Amino acid sequence: MIKQKQTARGKPQGREKLIQAAKELFGMRGYHGTTVDDITKAAGVTRGALYWHFDSKADLLGAIIQELQESYLNRFIEETRGAGDSPMDKLWHMFKFNSRFAVEHPTLIHCLRTLSLEMQSLEGGNAKALLDVFEQQRSFITEIIREAQAKHFVREDLKAEIITSIILAVHDGIVLQLLAFDRHLDGHQVAWALRQITLGGISAGARIIHPKKGASDPRTATGEVKEK
């Protein structure tokens, strides 16, 4: 359980320093590659201070996942639902929100992408908690894609779950590119290009691309379409 011990003024003493240090170190070294001493040294506090606020390193990780739930996922769902009546308005806002959040919270995003590679071995119920956040995000995006398909805004020859997976994979890759090459890439231009390429590619008016003349559409193998 995450502790909420406070100072006389009502603010958690050193708690935010520990969370910030843990996010940076987990992002660089991974959860298992980071020790309690690494975190306290980076935060400039003692081991006693860490155990004042958290029961363990796993408890500290739980606070980071809770931050993801509250500062990202809950806001993402609420703001996207309220972005407009059209599912395309929601999709547009979804890309805009994610791009903005990645720019404003690069340490948290980088931390979570690294942790996702260790997810199955995380301690203290954190694997399930992190997976639940990712699943909620995935289910919500898929819901919007299906709504857009039902209204013929998004192409129906692609499964909504696959579109969602591609959107998330491309977004994660863009974030890594920006973290690695931020001096060479303009974040605003990248975000705009991402929306144009992705939304253009999944729109109902997008045409099927064949690698060469005579190449088969994958759907022809199942008899869904006939080649012309």
C-alpha atoms as a PDB file:
ATOM      1  CA  MET A   1       0.000   0.000   0.000  1.00  0.00           C
ATOM      2  CA  ILE A   2       1.313   3.452  -0.906  1.00  0.00           C
ATOM      3  CA  LYS A   3       1.937   5.546   2.167  1.00  0.00           C
ATOM      4  CA  GLN A   4       0.837   9.158   2.474  1.00  0.00           C
ATOM      5  CA  LYS A   5       2.979  10.386   5.369  1.00  0.00           C
ATOM      6  CA  GLN A   6       3.177  14.160   5.438  1.00  0.00           C
ATOM      7  CA  THR A   7       4.954  17.089   6.981  1.00  0.00           C
ATOM      8  CA  ALA A   8       3.275  19.567   9.277  1.00  0.00           C
ATOM      9  CA  ARG A   9       2.369  21.649   6.226  1.00  0.00           C
ATOM     10  CA  GLY A  10       0.595  18.696   4.675  1.00  0.00           C
ATOM     11  CA  LYS A  11       3.058  18.031   1.824  1.00  0.00           C
ATOM     12  CA  PRO A  12       4.797  14.670   1.379  1.00  0.00           C
ATOM     13  CA  GLN A  13       8.433  15.315   2.403  1.00  0.00           C
ATOM     14  CA  GLY A  14      10.806  14.107  -0.295  1.00  0.00           C
ATOM     15  CA  ARG A  15       8.153  11.878  -1.864  1.00  0.00           C
ATOM     16  CA  GLU A  16       8.132  13.618  -5.232  1.00  0.00           C
ATOM     17  CA  LYS A  17      11.937  13.611  -5.340  1.00  0.00           C
ATOM     18  CA  LEU A  18      11.925   9.852  -4.863  1.00  0.00           C
ATOM     19  CA  ILE A  19       9.279   9.292  -7.518  1.00  0.00           C
ATOM     20  CA  GLN A  20      11.103  11.506 -10.018  1.00  0.00           C
ATOM     21  CA  ALA A  21      14.441   9.802  -9.347  1.00  0.00           C
ATOM     22  CA  ALA A  22      12.846   6.363  -9.669  1.00  0.00           C
ATOM     23  CA  LYS A  23      11.214   7.279 -12.990  1.00  0.00           C
ATOM     24  CA  GLU A  24      14.520   8.447 -14.428  1.00  0.00           C
ATOM     25  CA  LEU A  25      16.445   5.403 -13.225  1.00  0.00           C
ATOM     26  CA  PHE A  26      13.797   2.844 -14.168  1.00  0.00           C
ATOM     27  CA  GLY A  27      13.736   4.404 -17.628  1.00  0.00           C
ATOM     28  CA  MET A  28      17.523   4.149 -18.039  1.00  0.00           C
ATOM     29  CA  ARG A  29      18.298   0.902 -16.189  1.00  0.00           C
ATOM     30  CA  GLY A  30      15.001  -0.881 -15.806  1.00  0.00           C
ATOM     31  CA  TYR A  31      13.310  -1.833 -12.555  1.00  0.00           C
ATOM     32  CA  HIS A  32      15.555  -4.791 -11.725  1.00  0.00           C
ATOM     33  CA  GLY A  33      18.682  -2.889 -12.709  1.00  0.00           C
ATOM     34  CA  THR A  34      17.941  -0.129 -10.192  1.00  0.00           C
ATOM     35  CA  THR A  35      18.621  -0.488  -6.468  1.00  0.00           C
ATOM     36  CA  VAL A  36      17.140   1.365  -3.493  1.00  0.00           C
ATOM     37  CA  ASP A  37      20.547   2.975  -2.951  1.00  0.00           C
ATOM     38  CA  ASP A  38      20.566   4.200  -6.575  1.00  0.00           C
ATOM     39  CA  ILE A  39      17.206   5.874  -6.026  1.00  0.00           C
ATOM     40  CA  THR A  40      18.045   7.521  -2.690  1.00  0.00           C
ATOM     41  CA  LYS A  41      21.365   8.777  -4.038  1.00  0.00           C
ATOM     42  CA  ALA A  42      19.734  10.289  -7.123  1.00  0.00           C
ATOM     43  CA  ALA A  43      16.963  11.850  -5.010  1.00  0.00           C
ATOM     44  CA  GLY A  44      19.430  13.191  -2.447  1.00  0.00           C
ATOM     45  CA  VAL A  45      17.667  11.538   0.491  1.00  0.00           C
ATOM     46  CA  THR A  46      18.423   8.741   2.933  1.00  0.00           C
ATOM     47  CA  ARG A  47      17.169   5.149   2.854  1.00  0.00           C
ATOM     48  CA  GLY A  48      15.139   6.044   5.925  1.00  0.00           C
ATOM     49  CA  ALA A  49      13.368   8.754   3.951  1.00  0.00           C
ATOM     50  CA  LEU A  50      12.439   6.282   1.234  1.00  0.00           C
ATOM     51  CA  TYR A  51      11.021   3.819   3.758  1.00  0.00           C
ATOM     52  CA  TRP A  52       9.161   6.659   5.456  1.00  0.00           C
ATOM     53  CA  HIS A  53       7.125   7.166   2.295  1.00  0.00           C
ATOM     54  CA  PHE A  54       7.147   3.682   0.760  1.00  0.00           C
ATOM     55  CA  ASP A  55       7.219   0.133   2.084  1.00  0.00           C
ATOM     56  CA  SER A  56       9.617  -1.023  -0.629  1.00  0.00           C
ATOM     57  CA  LYS A  57      10.957  -0.387  -4.107  1.00  0.00           C
ATOM     58  CA  ALA A  58       7.885  -2.205  -5.430  1.00  0.00           C
ATOM     59  CA  ASP A  59       5.667   0.188  -3.459  1.00  0.00           C
ATOM     60  CA  LEU A  60       7.486   3.119  -5.071  1.00  0.00           C
ATOM     61  CA  LEU A  61       6.853   1.601  -8.496  1.00  0.00           C
ATOM     62  CA  GLY A  62       3.191   1.332  -7.537  1.00  0.00           C
ATOM     63  CA  ALA A  63       3.131   5.095  -7.008  1.00  0.00           C
ATOM     64  CA  ILE A  64       4.484   5.624 -10.526  1.00  0.00           C
ATOM     65  CA  ILE A  65       1.810   3.364 -12.012  1.00  0.00           C
ATOM     66  CA  GLN A  66      -0.814   5.220  -9.995  1.00  0.00           C
ATOM     67  CA  GLU A  67       0.502   8.478 -11.457  1.00  0.00           C
ATOM     68  CA  LEU A  68       0.115   6.992 -14.938  1.00  0.00           C
ATOM     69  CA  GLN A  69      -3.473   6.027 -14.178  1.00  0.00           C
ATOM     70  CA  GLU A  70      -4.412   9.430 -12.779  1.00  0.00           C
ATOM     71  CA  SER A  71      -2.362  11.904 -14.819  1.00  0.00           C
ATOM     72  CA  TYR A  72      -2.546  10.081 -18.141  1.00  0.00           C
ATOM     73  CA  LEU A  73      -5.207   7.417 -18.569  1.00  0.00           C
ATOM     74  CA  ASN A  74      -8.103   9.021 -16.698  1.00  0.00           C
ATOM     75  CA  ARG A  75      -7.500  12.378 -18.401  1.00  0.00           C
ATOM     76  CA  PHE A  76      -6.962  10.738 -21.785  1.00  0.00           C
ATOM     77  CA  ILE A  77     -10.309   8.955 -21.660  1.00  0.00           C
ATOM     78  CA  GLU A  78     -12.243  11.900 -20.229  1.00  0.00           C
ATOM     79  CA  GLU A  79     -10.866  14.493 -22.644  1.00  0.00           C
ATOM     80  CA  THR A  80     -11.126  12.242 -25.689  1.00  0.00           C
ATOM     81  CA  ARG A  81     -14.753  11.343 -24.934  1.00  0.00           C
ATOM     82  CA  GLY A  82     -15.540  15.046 -24.724  1.00  0.00           C
ATOM     83  CA  ALA A  83     -13.673  16.009 -27.895  1.00  0.00           C
ATOM     84  CA  GLY A  84     -16.795  15.883 -30.086  1.00  0.00           C
ATOM     85  CA  ASP A  85     -19.692  13.778 -31.279  1.00  0.00           C
ATOM     86  CA  SER A  86     -17.833  12.387 -34.277  1.00  0.00           C
ATOM     87  CA  PRO A  87     -15.455   9.463 -33.726  1.00  0.00           C
ATOM     88  CA  MET A  88     -13.020  11.226 -36.072  1.00  0.00           C
ATOM     89  CA  ASP A  89     -12.950  14.202 -33.696  1.00  0.00           C
ATOM     90  CA  LYS A  90     -12.100  11.755 -30.919  1.00  0.00           C
ATOM     91  CA  LEU A  91      -9.370  10.098 -32.963  1.00  0.00           C
ATOM     92  CA  TRP A  92      -7.850  13.458 -33.853  1.00  0.00           C
ATOM     93  CA  HIS A  93      -7.871  14.513 -30.205  1.00  0.00           C
ATOM     94  CA  MET A  94      -6.431  11.153 -29.158  1.00  0.00           C
ATOM     95  CA  PHE A  95      -3.315  11.729 -31.271  1.00  0.00           C
ATOM     96  CA  LYS A  96      -3.068  15.325 -30.122  1.00  0.00           C
ATOM     97  CA  PHE A  97      -3.393  14.397 -26.432  1.00  0.00           C
ATOM     98  CA  ASN A  98      -0.811  11.601 -26.635  1.00  0.00           C
ATOM     99  CA  SER A  99       1.688  13.787 -28.468  1.00  0.00           C
ATOM    100  CA  ARG A 100       1.275  16.597 -25.956  1.00  0.00           C
ATOM    101  CA  PHE A 101       1.553  14.255 -22.984  1.00  0.00           C
ATOM    102  CA  ALA A 102       4.732  12.665 -24.358  1.00  0.00           C
ATOM    103  CA  VAL A 103       6.318  16.102 -24.798  1.00  0.00           C
ATOM    104  CA  GLU A 104       5.279  17.243 -21.315  1.00  0.00           C
ATOM    105  CA  HIS A 105       6.151  13.980 -19.508  1.00  0.00           C
ATOM    106  CA  PRO A 106       9.095  12.390 -21.375  1.00  0.00           C
ATOM    107  CA  THR A 107      10.588  10.824 -18.239  1.00  0.00           C
ATOM    108  CA  LEU A 108       7.359   9.057 -17.312  1.00  0.00           C
ATOM    109  CA  ILE A 109       6.802   7.817 -20.874  1.00  0.00           C
ATOM    110  CA  HIS A 110      10.371   6.539 -21.233  1.00  0.00           C
ATOM    111  CA  CYS A 111      10.129   4.856 -17.825  1.00  0.00           C
ATOM    112  CA  LEU A 112       6.923   3.043 -18.699  1.00  0.00           C
ATOM    113  CA  ARG A 113       8.165   1.870 -22.090  1.00  0.00           C
ATOM    114  CA  THR A 114      11.194   0.321 -20.365  1.00  0.00           C
ATOM    115  CA  LEU A 115       9.043  -1.205 -17.624  1.00  0.00           C
ATOM    116  CA  SER A 116       6.735  -2.747 -20.217  1.00  0.00           C
ATOM    117  CA  LEU A 117       9.666  -4.951 -21.291  1.00  0.00           C
ATOM    118  CA  GLU A 118       9.969  -6.237 -17.714  1.00  0.00           C
ATOM    119  CA  MET A 119       6.245  -6.375 -17.038  1.00  0.00           C
ATOM    120  CA  GLN A 120       5.918 -10.079 -16.281  1.00  0.00           C
ATOM    121  CA  SER A 121       8.636  -9.958 -13.616  1.00  0.00           C
ATOM    122  CA  LEU A 122       7.536  -6.834 -11.757  1.00  0.00           C
ATOM    123  CA  GLU A 123       6.881  -7.282  -8.044  1.00  0.00           C
ATOM    124  CA  GLY A 124       4.035  -6.609  -5.635  1.00  0.00           C
ATOM    125  CA  GLY A 125       1.128  -6.842  -8.044  1.00  0.00           C
ATOM    126  CA  ASN A 126       2.646  -4.137 -10.240  1.00  0.00           C
ATOM    127  CA  ALA A 127       2.674  -6.339 -13.337  1.00  0.00           C
ATOM    128  CA  LYS A 128      -1.102  -6.655 -13.197  1.00  0.00           C
ATOM    129  CA  ALA A 129      -1.570  -2.961 -12.359  1.00  0.00           C
ATOM    130  CA  LEU A 130       0.554  -1.841 -15.319  1.00  0.00           C
ATOM    131  CA  LEU A 131      -1.097  -4.337 -17.650  1.00  0.00           C
ATOM    132  CA  ASP A 132      -4.524  -3.080 -16.543  1.00  0.00           C
ATOM    133  CA  VAL A 133      -3.565   0.480 -17.525  1.00  0.00           C
ATOM    134  CA  PHE A 134      -2.339  -0.648 -20.937  1.00  0.00           C
ATOM    135  CA  GLU A 135      -5.450  -2.785 -21.475  1.00  0.00           C
ATOM    136  CA  GLN A 136      -7.772   0.079 -20.571  1.00  0.00           C
ATOM    137  CA  GLN A 137      -5.952   2.311 -23.037  1.00  0.00           C
ATOM    138  CA  ARG A 138      -6.114  -0.338 -25.763  1.00  0.00           C
ATOM    139  CA  SER A 139      -9.804  -1.111 -25.174  1.00  0.00           C
ATOM    140  CA  PHE A 140     -10.745   2.562 -25.263  1.00  0.00           C
ATOM    141  CA  ILE A 141      -8.949   3.208 -28.558  1.00  0.00           C
ATOM    142  CA  THR A 142     -10.459   0.076 -30.085  1.00  0.00           C
ATOM    143  CA  GLU A 143     -13.910   1.269 -29.012  1.00  0.00           C
ATOM    144  CA  ILE A 144     -13.418   4.525 -30.910  1.00  0.00           C
ATOM    145  CA  ILE A 145     -12.090   2.715 -33.991  1.00  0.00           C
ATOM    146  CA  ARG A 146     -15.152   0.463 -34.042  1.00  0.00           C
ATOM    147  CA  GLU A 147     -17.437   3.467 -33.701  1.00  0.00           C
ATOM    148  CA  ALA A 148     -15.675   5.109 -36.643  1.00  0.00           C
ATOM    149  CA  GLN A 149     -15.966   1.922 -38.698  1.00  0.00           C
ATOM    150  CA  ALA A 150     -19.691   1.642 -37.925  1.00  0.00           C
ATOM    151  CA  LYS A 151     -20.141   5.135 -39.342  1.00  0.00           C
ATOM    152  CA  HIS A 152     -17.932   4.346 -42.357  1.00  0.00           C
ATOM    153  CA  PHE A 153     -15.252   6.874 -41.441  1.00  0.00           C
ATOM    154  CA  VAL A 154     -12.549   4.221 -41.012  1.00  0.00           C
ATOM    155  CA  ARG A 155     -11.890   1.383 -43.424  1.00  0.00           C
ATOM    156  CA  GLU A 156     -13.659  -1.811 -42.450  1.00  0.00           C
ATOM    157  CA  ASP A 157     -11.321  -4.289 -44.142  1.00  0.00           C
ATOM    158  CA  LEU A 158      -8.915  -3.975 -41.194  1.00  0.00           C
ATOM    159  CA  LYS A 159      -9.750  -5.294 -37.742  1.00  0.00           C
ATOM    160  CA  ALA A 160     -10.148  -2.598 -35.099  1.00  0.00           C
ATOM    161  CA  GLU A 161      -7.786  -4.447 -32.745  1.00  0.00           C
ATOM    162  CA  ILE A 162      -5.060  -4.506 -35.386  1.00  0.00           C
ATOM    163  CA  ILE A 163      -5.482  -0.792 -36.120  1.00  0.00           C
ATOM    164  CA  THR A 164      -5.181  -0.091 -32.396  1.00  0.00           C
ATOM    165  CA  SER A 165      -2.004  -2.171 -32.123  1.00  0.00           C
ATOM    166  CA  ILE A 166      -0.434  -0.344 -35.065  1.00  0.00           C
ATOM    167  CA  ILE A 167      -1.376   3.081 -33.669  1.00  0.00           C
ATOM    168  CA  LEU A 168       0.188   2.247 -30.292  1.00  0.00           C
ATOM    169  CA  ALA A 169       3.292   0.693 -31.832  1.00  0.00           C
ATOM    170  CA  VAL A 170       3.893   3.668 -34.131  1.00  0.00           C
ATOM    171  CA  HIS A 171       3.328   6.113 -31.284  1.00  0.00           C
ATOM    172  CA  ASP A 172       5.810   4.266 -29.054  1.00  0.00           C
ATOM    173  CA  GLY A 173       8.357   4.240 -31.843  1.00  0.00           C
ATOM    174  CA  ILE A 174       7.924   7.969 -32.450  1.00  0.00           C
ATOM    175  CA  VAL A 175       8.483   8.659 -28.754  1.00  0.00           C
ATOM    176  CA  LEU A 176      11.733   6.679 -28.824  1.00  0.00           C
ATOM    177  CA  GLN A 177      12.848   8.551 -31.934  1.00  0.00           C
ATOM    178  CA  LEU A 178      12.174  11.890 -30.269  1.00  0.00           C
ATOM    179  CA  LEU A 179      14.021  10.840 -27.111  1.00  0.00           C
ATOM    180  CA  ALA A 180      17.026   9.719 -29.124  1.00  0.00           C
ATOM    181  CA  PHE A 181      17.080  12.404 -31.821  1.00  0.00           C
ATOM    182  CA  ASP A 182      15.303  15.374 -30.246  1.00  0.00           C
ATOM    183  CA  ARG A 183      17.923  17.783 -31.625  1.00  0.00           C
ATOM    184  CA  HIS A 184      17.179  16.682 -35.187  1.00  0.00           C
ATOM    185  CA  LEU A 185      13.395  16.374 -35.055  1.00  0.00           C
ATOM    186  CA  ASP A 186      10.723  19.000 -34.523  1.00  0.00           C
ATOM    187  CA  GLY A 187       8.163  17.474 -32.175  1.00  0.00           C
ATOM    188  CA  HIS A 188       5.259  19.500 -33.559  1.00  0.00           C
ATOM    189  CA  GLN A 189       6.053  18.523 -37.151  1.00  0.00           C
ATOM    190  CA  VAL A 190       6.424  14.859 -36.170  1.00  0.00           C
ATOM    191  CA  ALA A 191       3.075  14.910 -34.325  1.00  0.00           C
ATOM    192  CA  TRP A 192       1.357  16.508 -37.334  1.00  0.00           C
ATOM    193  CA  ALA A 193       2.885  14.011 -39.758  1.00  0.00           C
ATOM    194  CA  LEU A 194       1.893  11.120 -37.496  1.00  0.00           C
ATOM    195  CA  ARG A 195      -1.751  12.212 -37.513  1.00  0.00           C
ATOM    196  CA  GLN A 196      -1.775  12.753 -41.266  1.00  0.00           C
ATOM    197  CA  ILE A 197      -0.150   9.432 -42.136  1.00  0.00           C
ATOM    198  CA  THR A 198      -2.075   7.307 -39.635  1.00  0.00           C
ATOM    199  CA  LEU A 199      -5.521   8.836 -40.028  1.00  0.00           C
ATOM    200  CA  GLY A 200      -5.080   9.049 -43.779  1.00  0.00           C
ATOM    201  CA  GLY A 201      -4.077   5.401 -43.931  1.00  0.00           C
ATOM    202  CA  ILE A 202      -7.041   4.108 -41.950  1.00  0.00           C
ATOM    203  CA  SER A 203      -9.659   6.415 -43.460  1.00  0.00           C
ATOM    204  CA  ALA A 204     -12.488   4.850 -45.427  1.00  0.00           C
ATOM    205  CA  GLY A 205     -11.250   6.550 -48.595  1.00  0.00           C
ATOM    206  CA  ALA A 206      -7.758   5.076 -48.372  1.00  0.00           C
ATOM    207  CA  ARG A 207      -6.927   2.680 -51.200  1.00  0.00           C
ATOM    208  CA  ILE A 208      -5.320  -0.714 -50.781  1.00  0.00           C
ATOM    209  CA  ILE A 209      -1.629  -0.593 -51.630  1.00  0.00           C
ATOM    210  CA  HIS A 210      -0.044  -3.503 -53.496  1.00  0.00           C
ATOM    211  CA  PRO A 211       3.746  -3.945 -53.438  1.00  0.00           C
ATOM    212  CA  LYS A 212       3.830  -4.629 -57.180  1.00  0.00           C
ATOM    213  CA  LYS A 213       1.481  -5.161 -60.077  1.00  0.00           C
ATOM    214  CA  GLY A 214      -0.378  -8.415 -59.723  1.00  0.00           C
ATOM    215  CA  ALA A 215       0.348  -8.822 -56.028  1.00  0.00           C
ATOM    216  CA  SER A 216      -2.541 -10.300 -54.088  1.00  0.00           C
ATOM    217  CA  ASP A 217      -4.533  -8.484 -51.469  1.00  0.00           C
ATOM    218  CA  PRO A 218      -4.246 -10.625 -48.264  1.00  0.00           C
ATOM    219  CA  ARG A 219      -8.035 -10.797 -48.177  1.00  0.00           C
ATOM    220  CA  THR A 220      -8.210 -12.693 -51.468  1.00  0.00           C
ATOM    221  CA  ALA A 221      -6.892 -15.775 -49.718  1.00  0.00           C
ATOM    222  CA  THR A 222     -10.035 -15.894 -47.594  1.00  0.00           C
ATOM    223  CA  GLY A 223     -12.378 -14.949 -50.410  1.00  0.00           C
ATOM    224  CA  GLU A 224     -13.309 -11.583 -48.872  1.00  0.00           C
ATOM    225  CA  VAL A 225     -12.543  -9.696 -52.072  1.00  0.00           C
ATOM    226  CA  LYS A 226     -11.849 -10.566 -55.673  1.00  0.00           C
ATOM    227  CA  GLU A 227      -8.906  -9.201 -57.547  1.00  0.00           C
ATOM    228  CA  LYS A 228      -9.702  -7.034 -60.525  1.00  0.00           C
END
